[in-house]
Protein backbone atom coordinates (compact mmCIF):
# COMPACT_ATOMS: atom_id res chain seq x y z
CA MET A 1 62.31 78.49 111.47
CA THR A 2 63.86 79.02 108.02
CA ILE A 3 60.46 79.17 106.30
CA ASP A 4 59.07 81.54 108.95
CA LEU A 5 62.05 83.86 108.52
CA LEU A 6 61.76 83.88 104.72
CA LYS A 7 58.07 84.79 104.93
CA GLU A 8 59.09 87.93 106.80
CA MET A 9 61.91 88.78 104.36
CA PRO A 10 60.38 89.70 100.97
CA GLN A 11 63.68 91.20 99.79
CA ILE A 12 65.48 87.89 100.32
CA THR A 13 62.76 85.83 98.61
CA GLY A 14 62.83 88.33 95.75
CA GLU A 15 66.58 87.81 95.32
CA ILE A 16 66.05 84.05 94.88
CA GLY A 17 63.11 84.58 92.50
CA ARG A 18 60.35 83.47 94.83
CA VAL A 19 57.29 84.95 96.51
CA LYS A 20 55.74 84.03 99.84
CA ALA A 21 53.29 81.57 98.23
CA ASP A 22 56.15 79.67 96.55
CA LEU A 23 57.89 78.73 99.79
CA PRO A 24 57.77 74.99 100.60
CA SER A 25 56.36 73.58 103.81
CA PRO A 26 58.89 72.80 106.59
CA PRO A 27 58.61 68.97 106.11
CA THR A 28 59.36 69.40 102.39
CA LEU A 29 62.44 71.44 103.20
CA CYS A 30 63.63 68.85 105.75
CA LYS A 31 63.24 65.99 103.25
CA ALA A 32 65.15 67.96 100.61
CA PHE A 33 67.90 68.62 103.15
CA ASP A 34 68.11 64.87 103.90
CA ARG A 35 68.87 64.18 100.23
CA ILE A 36 72.04 66.28 100.36
CA SER A 37 75.02 64.02 101.08
CA MET A 38 77.97 65.06 103.24
CA SER A 39 80.22 64.94 100.17
CA VAL A 40 78.06 67.62 98.53
CA CYS A 41 78.26 69.71 101.72
CA ARG A 42 82.06 69.50 101.57
CA VAL A 43 82.05 70.66 97.94
CA LEU A 44 79.87 73.64 98.91
CA LEU A 45 82.22 74.37 101.82
CA ARG A 46 85.21 74.29 99.48
CA GLN A 47 83.47 76.67 97.07
CA SER A 48 82.67 79.11 99.89
CA ALA A 49 86.31 78.97 101.04
CA GLN A 50 87.56 79.78 97.52
CA LEU A 51 85.81 83.15 97.79
CA HIS A 52 88.65 84.19 100.11
CA ASP A 53 91.55 83.14 97.85
CA PRO A 54 93.20 80.85 100.48
CA SER A 55 96.92 81.23 101.18
CA LYS A 56 97.61 77.45 101.29
CA HIS A 57 98.80 77.76 104.90
CA GLY A 58 96.41 75.88 107.16
CA ALA A 59 95.88 75.13 110.84
CA ILE A 60 93.83 72.37 112.42
CA ASP A 61 92.13 71.95 115.78
CA ALA A 62 89.06 70.35 117.35
CA THR A 63 86.14 71.80 119.28
CA PHE A 64 82.85 70.51 120.66
CA TYR A 65 79.21 71.36 119.90
CA GLU A 66 76.30 70.58 122.20
CA ARG A 67 73.48 68.37 120.94
CA SER A 68 70.21 70.04 121.98
CA ALA A 69 67.42 67.46 121.75
CA ALA A 70 63.76 68.46 121.97
CA SER A 71 62.88 66.57 125.16
CA ARG A 72 64.08 63.98 127.66
CA HIS A 73 61.45 61.58 126.30
CA TYR A 74 63.01 61.77 122.82
CA CYS A 75 66.49 61.23 124.25
CA GLN A 76 65.40 58.02 125.98
CA ARG A 77 63.42 56.62 123.05
CA PRO A 78 66.27 56.46 120.45
CA SER A 79 69.04 55.96 123.09
CA TYR A 80 70.29 59.49 122.45
CA ARG A 81 73.19 59.32 124.91
CA VAL A 82 75.92 61.31 123.16
CA GLN A 83 75.79 64.87 124.49
CA LYS A 84 78.47 66.51 122.34
CA LEU A 85 79.82 66.37 118.80
CA LYS A 86 83.55 66.51 118.21
CA VAL A 87 84.23 68.81 115.26
CA THR A 88 87.69 69.20 113.70
CA LYS A 89 88.17 72.21 111.42
CA LEU A 90 90.86 72.99 108.89
CA VAL A 91 91.27 76.77 108.68
CA ASP A 92 93.25 79.00 106.32
CA THR A 93 95.46 81.04 108.64
CA ASP A 94 95.54 84.20 106.48
CA SER A 95 91.88 84.58 105.49
CA GLN A 96 90.41 82.64 108.47
CA ALA A 97 88.14 80.73 106.08
CA VAL A 98 87.08 77.19 106.99
CA LEU A 99 88.55 74.84 104.36
CA ASP A 100 87.29 71.48 105.61
CA VAL A 101 85.45 69.97 108.57
CA HIS A 102 85.16 66.52 110.14
CA CYS A 103 82.44 65.55 112.63
CA SER A 104 82.26 62.62 115.04
CA THR A 105 79.90 61.45 117.78
CA ASN A 106 82.69 59.79 119.78
CA ARG A 107 86.14 60.68 121.04
CA GLU A 108 87.80 57.43 120.03
CA GLY A 109 90.78 57.37 117.73
CA SER A 110 93.86 59.53 117.40
CA ASP A 111 93.68 63.23 116.55
CA SER A 112 96.85 62.72 114.49
CA ASP A 113 95.21 60.07 112.30
CA LEU A 114 92.23 62.34 111.77
CA ALA A 115 94.53 65.25 110.84
CA GLU A 116 96.21 63.04 108.22
CA GLN A 117 92.82 62.11 106.75
CA ILE A 118 91.81 65.77 106.43
CA ALA A 119 95.23 66.72 105.03
CA ARG A 120 94.97 64.03 102.33
CA ARG A 121 91.61 65.43 101.22
CA ASN A 122 93.19 68.88 100.85
CA ALA A 123 96.75 67.94 99.86
CA GLY A 124 96.74 69.99 96.67
CA ASP A 125 95.61 73.13 98.51
CA LEU A 126 98.13 73.12 101.39
CA ARG A 127 101.79 74.06 101.66
CA SER A 128 101.97 73.94 105.46
CA LEU A 129 99.83 72.68 108.32
CA ALA A 130 100.07 73.99 111.88
CA ALA A 131 98.73 72.18 114.94
CA ASP A 132 99.32 72.10 118.69
CA LYS A 133 101.25 69.42 120.61
CA GLY A 134 98.15 67.23 120.78
CA TYR A 135 98.96 66.26 117.17
CA ASP A 136 102.58 65.36 117.99
CA LYS A 137 103.16 62.12 116.11
CA GLU A 138 106.17 61.39 113.92
CA ALA A 139 104.11 59.29 111.50
CA LEU A 140 101.86 62.32 110.87
CA ARG A 141 104.85 64.53 110.10
CA GLU A 142 106.29 61.97 107.69
CA ASN A 143 102.97 61.50 105.89
CA LEU A 144 102.50 65.26 105.57
CA ARG A 145 105.96 65.61 104.02
CA GLU A 146 105.10 62.85 101.53
CA LEU A 147 102.03 64.89 100.55
CA GLY A 148 104.20 67.98 100.01
CA ILE A 149 102.91 69.69 103.16
CA ARG A 150 105.32 71.20 105.68
CA PRO A 151 104.32 70.11 109.22
CA LEU A 152 104.35 72.89 111.82
CA ILE A 153 103.77 70.75 114.91
CA LYS A 154 106.00 71.20 117.95
CA HIS A 155 107.53 68.18 119.63
CA ARG A 156 106.73 67.40 123.22
CA ILE A 157 109.96 67.57 125.20
CA PHE A 158 111.25 64.11 126.04
CA ALA A 159 114.93 64.60 125.15
CA PRO A 160 117.34 67.51 124.51
CA TYR A 161 117.14 67.08 120.73
CA ASP A 162 113.40 67.86 120.87
CA HIS A 163 114.39 71.46 121.67
CA ALA A 164 116.44 71.50 118.45
CA HIS A 165 113.48 70.19 116.42
CA ASN A 166 111.24 72.92 117.82
CA ALA A 167 113.84 75.62 117.16
CA ARG A 168 113.69 74.88 113.41
CA ILE A 169 109.95 75.53 113.20
CA ASP A 170 108.81 78.77 111.57
CA GLU A 171 107.50 80.54 114.68
CA GLN A 172 105.47 83.11 112.76
CA ARG A 173 103.55 80.44 110.85
CA TYR A 174 103.28 78.17 113.88
CA ASN A 175 101.74 80.93 116.01
CA GLN A 176 99.01 81.35 113.40
CA ARG A 177 97.50 78.04 114.56
CA SER A 178 95.54 80.12 117.08
CA MET A 179 93.37 81.22 114.13
CA THR A 180 91.46 77.95 114.53
CA GLU A 181 90.40 79.00 118.03
CA THR A 182 89.40 82.42 116.69
CA VAL A 183 87.26 80.84 113.95
CA ASN A 184 85.65 78.36 116.35
CA SER A 185 84.71 81.21 118.67
CA ALA A 186 83.35 83.35 115.81
CA VAL A 187 81.19 80.52 114.42
CA LYS A 188 79.72 79.70 117.83
CA ARG A 189 79.04 83.34 118.73
CA SER A 190 77.28 84.11 115.45
CA LEU A 191 75.59 80.79 114.61
CA GLY A 192 75.27 79.00 117.95
CA PHE A 193 77.22 76.51 120.08
CA ALA A 194 74.64 73.71 119.69
CA VAL A 195 73.10 71.77 116.80
CA ARG A 196 69.33 71.44 116.59
CA ALA A 197 68.96 68.42 114.31
CA ARG A 198 68.04 65.15 116.04
CA SER A 199 69.85 62.55 113.92
CA TRP A 200 73.63 62.43 113.70
CA PHE A 201 73.79 62.66 109.89
CA ARG A 202 71.64 65.82 109.92
CA GLU A 203 73.84 67.25 112.66
CA PHE A 204 76.96 66.69 110.55
CA ARG A 205 75.34 68.57 107.64
CA GLU A 206 74.22 71.32 109.99
CA ILE A 207 77.83 71.83 111.14
CA ALA A 208 79.03 71.96 107.51
CA LEU A 209 76.28 74.46 106.70
CA MET A 210 77.35 76.63 109.65
CA CYS A 211 80.88 76.76 108.26
CA GLU A 212 79.63 77.63 104.76
CA VAL A 213 77.48 80.46 106.12
CA TYR A 214 80.41 81.72 108.19
CA ASN A 215 82.66 81.81 105.09
CA ILE A 216 80.05 83.68 103.06
CA LYS A 217 79.30 86.18 105.84
CA ARG A 218 83.01 86.89 106.27
CA PHE A 219 83.39 87.43 102.53
CA VAL A 220 80.40 89.81 102.36
CA ASN A 221 81.46 91.83 105.43
CA ARG A 222 85.13 92.28 104.61
């Protein structure tokens, strides 16, 4: 699809210094895409986020993307049983840029542990991190404080003192966690709610590429 679109867009191919005859065949493009590691995709995502001058106040939440395989026959042949990808995004609450993304084919493990992993990767770029009560875990709060990140995660109410903990949270910053839902909705509406790649590692890169394109589009249109 990418090659077909570029053939119909001479202005775009001109911008990248190519003509219609220079465009590679689709299999060549797919093989080149396979050589790009997820670490490189994260670097590109970080670079696209820096276009927005992030505020260092982040929010984290998970969403799901459908896996659209070509046919039932293909699904049965490689035991393609997982129907959805779990995607966790770290979003800058002021600019609504996607700072980092984590993809998984299963729902095992704690959301809190995953949030800590993402926070450690971005520790130098965050001053606070907001999340809903699904990330309520004291170990996560302690680890975030050790990283120099202020946790904005409300306690689930089990005792009267939990009300006091929640009262000390910066409500204005905490309420900005809804920006993750806004970003998830915007990405899915503009770039699709399903991934088209057939292998899980290509699907992970496709999700990262979606987030990069979203960041660039938001920067261009602002």
